[in-house]
Amino acid sequence: MTVASHLQELRRKHDHLSDMVEQAQRSPASDALKIADLKKQKLRLKEEITRLSQG
């Protein structure tokens, strides 16, 4: 897998997590811990994207 294709996949996963966070925040039955976990996953992906983009 090339770096470019890996970055593309990471961005796709990041966007998917963003959608999941938005949906969870709109739902009154959402678990705050689940939302926090999704946000942490999203942050890890963002950090990985940044690291790979700079290298």
Protein backbone atom coordinates (compact mmCIF):
# COMPACT_ATOMS: atom_id res chain seq x y z
CA MET A 1 0.00 0.00 0.00
CA THR A 2 1.39 3.39 -0.94
CA VAL A 3 1.50 6.25 1.52
CA ALA A 4 -1.04 8.16 -0.58
CA SER A 5 -3.53 5.29 -0.56
CA HIS A 6 -2.97 4.77 3.16
CA LEU A 7 -3.64 8.46 3.79
CA GLN A 8 -6.79 8.25 1.68
CA GLU A 9 -8.03 5.31 3.75
CA LEU A 10 -7.23 7.09 7.03
CA ARG A 11 -9.14 10.17 5.85
CA ARG A 12 -12.10 8.00 4.88
CA LYS A 13 -12.12 6.41 8.35
CA HIS A 14 -11.79 9.86 9.97
CA ASP A 15 -14.79 11.14 8.00
CA HIS A 16 -16.80 8.05 8.96
CA LEU A 17 -15.99 8.62 12.65
CA SER A 18 -17.01 12.27 12.29
CA ASP A 19 -20.39 11.16 10.99
CA MET A 20 -20.75 8.66 13.83
CA VAL A 21 -19.92 11.33 16.43
CA GLU A 22 -22.47 13.74 14.93
CA GLN A 23 -25.19 11.07 14.91
CA ALA A 24 -24.41 10.04 18.49
CA GLN A 25 -24.49 13.65 19.70
CA ARG A 26 -27.92 14.16 18.12
CA SER A 27 -29.35 11.04 19.75
CA PRO A 28 -30.74 11.58 23.25
CA ALA A 29 -29.97 7.96 24.17
CA SER A 30 -26.26 8.28 23.33
CA ASP A 31 -23.68 7.21 25.85
CA ALA A 32 -21.18 9.94 26.72
CA LEU A 33 -18.41 7.35 27.03
CA LYS A 34 -19.13 6.04 23.54
CA ILE A 35 -18.95 9.57 22.13
CA ALA A 36 -15.68 10.21 23.98
CA ASP A 37 -14.23 6.95 22.62
CA LEU A 38 -15.23 7.86 19.07
CA LYS A 39 -13.60 11.27 19.47
CA LYS A 40 -10.38 9.66 20.75
CA GLN A 41 -10.31 7.32 17.76
CA LYS A 42 -10.88 10.28 15.47
CA LEU A 43 -8.03 12.21 17.12
CA ARG A 44 -5.64 9.25 16.75
CA LEU A 45 -6.47 9.05 13.05
CA LYS A 46 -5.98 12.79 12.63
CA GLU A 47 -2.57 12.58 14.33
CA GLU A 48 -1.56 9.68 12.08
CA ILE A 49 -2.71 11.58 8.98
CA THR A 50 -0.69 14.62 10.06
CA ARG A 51 2.40 12.53 10.80
CA LEU A 52 2.28 10.75 7.44
CA SER A 53 1.55 13.97 5.54
CA GLN A 54 4.64 15.65 6.97
CA GLY A 55 6.92 12.71 6.23
